[in-house]
């Protein structure tokens, strides 16, 4: 019984270790750092799309400006019969457009 408990603890430590901030920072999945920890950090409106499509976030990013950003998507395309599958990476996109409804600070 002691070995089973020790095994469960080991599995939990390994599983939770992959959720650390260091894990995300090393792989470029964390938010980009902001110089001096200064900046506007209000929440964005997020629109979830079905699997296979990038999600969309939008918010005002200055007086008269609205930013839109999509998530990056990585998926494996079906095998085309040659024994190989292709990994397709759809990059994240960001765009800023005029929006008179966005007020300044």
Protein backbone atom coordinates (compact mmCIF):
# COMPACT_ATOMS: atom_id res chain seq x y z
CA UNK A 1 0.00 0.00 0.00
CA UNK A 2 2.90 2.33 0.77
CA UNK A 3 4.30 1.83 -2.73
CA UNK A 4 0.95 2.70 -4.30
CA UNK A 5 0.77 5.91 -2.24
CA UNK A 6 4.34 6.83 -3.17
CA UNK A 7 3.55 6.18 -6.84
CA UNK A 8 0.48 8.41 -6.71
CA UNK A 9 2.46 11.21 -5.09
CA UNK A 10 5.15 10.90 -7.78
CA UNK A 11 2.54 11.08 -10.55
CA UNK A 12 0.94 14.17 -8.99
CA UNK A 13 4.30 15.93 -8.63
CA UNK A 14 5.15 15.25 -12.27
CA UNK A 15 1.70 16.30 -13.50
CA UNK A 16 1.62 19.53 -11.51
CA UNK A 17 5.24 20.36 -12.35
CA UNK A 18 4.23 20.85 -15.98
CA UNK A 19 1.82 23.64 -14.96
CA UNK A 20 4.45 25.97 -13.51
CA UNK A 21 5.14 29.50 -14.75
CA UNK A 22 8.63 28.34 -15.73
CA UNK A 23 7.07 25.72 -18.04
CA UNK A 24 5.14 28.39 -19.91
CA UNK A 25 7.98 30.93 -19.97
CA UNK A 26 10.46 28.42 -21.41
CA UNK A 27 8.11 27.53 -24.23
CA UNK A 28 7.01 31.03 -25.14
CA UNK A 29 3.43 30.41 -24.03
CA UNK A 30 3.32 32.99 -21.26
CA UNK A 31 2.38 36.63 -21.68
CA UNK A 32 5.17 38.86 -22.92
CA UNK A 33 6.84 40.86 -20.17
CA UNK A 34 5.92 44.53 -19.79
CA UNK A 35 8.78 46.92 -19.02
CA UNK A 36 8.49 48.25 -15.48
CA UNK A 37 5.25 46.27 -15.01
CA UNK A 38 3.45 49.35 -16.38
CA UNK A 39 0.62 49.28 -18.84
CA UNK A 40 -3.09 48.98 -19.28
CA UNK A 41 -4.25 45.48 -18.37
CA UNK A 42 -8.04 45.50 -18.62
CA UNK A 43 -9.70 42.35 -19.88
CA UNK A 44 -10.38 41.78 -23.56
CA UNK A 45 -13.61 40.48 -25.06
CA UNK A 46 -12.91 36.90 -26.15
CA UNK A 47 -14.81 35.05 -28.84
CA UNK A 48 -14.33 31.29 -28.88
CA UNK A 49 -14.48 29.53 -32.23
CA UNK A 50 -15.01 25.81 -32.84
CA UNK A 51 -12.01 23.49 -32.73
CA UNK A 52 -9.78 23.95 -35.75
CA UNK A 53 -10.24 27.73 -35.77
CA UNK A 54 -8.29 30.33 -33.80
CA UNK A 55 -10.13 32.21 -31.06
CA UNK A 56 -10.42 36.00 -31.23
CA UNK A 57 -9.84 38.65 -28.59
CA UNK A 58 -10.52 42.37 -28.96
CA UNK A 59 -10.24 45.50 -26.84
CA UNK A 60 -9.61 49.22 -27.10
CA UNK A 61 -5.88 49.85 -27.18
CA UNK A 62 -5.85 53.63 -27.20
CA UNK A 63 -7.95 56.59 -28.14
CA UNK A 64 -9.79 55.73 -31.35
CA UNK A 65 -7.98 52.40 -31.79
CA UNK A 66 -9.14 48.80 -31.33
CA UNK A 67 -6.87 45.75 -31.34
CA UNK A 68 -7.81 42.29 -32.50
CA UNK A 69 -5.71 39.18 -31.89
CA UNK A 70 -6.18 35.54 -32.75
CA UNK A 71 -4.72 32.49 -31.07
CA UNK A 72 -2.08 30.33 -32.68
CA UNK A 73 -3.29 26.91 -33.78
CA UNK A 74 -1.22 23.77 -34.22
CA UNK A 75 -2.81 20.68 -35.69
CA UNK A 76 -1.85 17.55 -37.58
CA UNK A 77 -3.35 17.13 -41.02
CA UNK A 78 -4.68 13.70 -41.93
CA UNK A 79 -2.29 11.20 -43.39
CA UNK A 80 -2.50 11.38 -47.19
CA UNK A 81 -1.60 7.74 -47.65
CA UNK A 82 2.17 8.12 -47.83
CA UNK A 83 2.66 7.21 -44.16
CA UNK A 84 3.40 10.78 -43.12
CA UNK A 85 1.29 13.35 -41.34
CA UNK A 86 1.98 17.05 -41.70
CA UNK A 87 1.98 19.45 -38.78
CA UNK A 88 0.37 22.75 -39.73
CA UNK A 89 0.99 25.86 -37.63
CA UNK A 90 -1.41 28.74 -38.16
CA UNK A 91 0.27 31.80 -36.65
CA UNK A 92 -1.40 34.20 -34.27
CA UNK A 93 -2.37 37.45 -35.92
CA UNK A 94 -2.85 40.92 -34.49
CA UNK A 95 -4.28 44.01 -36.14
CA UNK A 96 -5.20 47.48 -34.93
CA UNK A 97 -8.04 49.37 -36.61
CA UNK A 98 -9.70 52.75 -36.19
CA UNK A 99 -12.64 52.67 -33.79
CA UNK A 100 -14.17 56.02 -32.79
CA UNK A 101 -15.96 54.26 -29.93
CA UNK A 102 -12.65 53.69 -28.12
CA UNK A 103 -12.02 56.49 -25.67
CA UNK A 104 -8.59 57.47 -24.37
CA UNK A 105 -7.43 57.14 -20.76
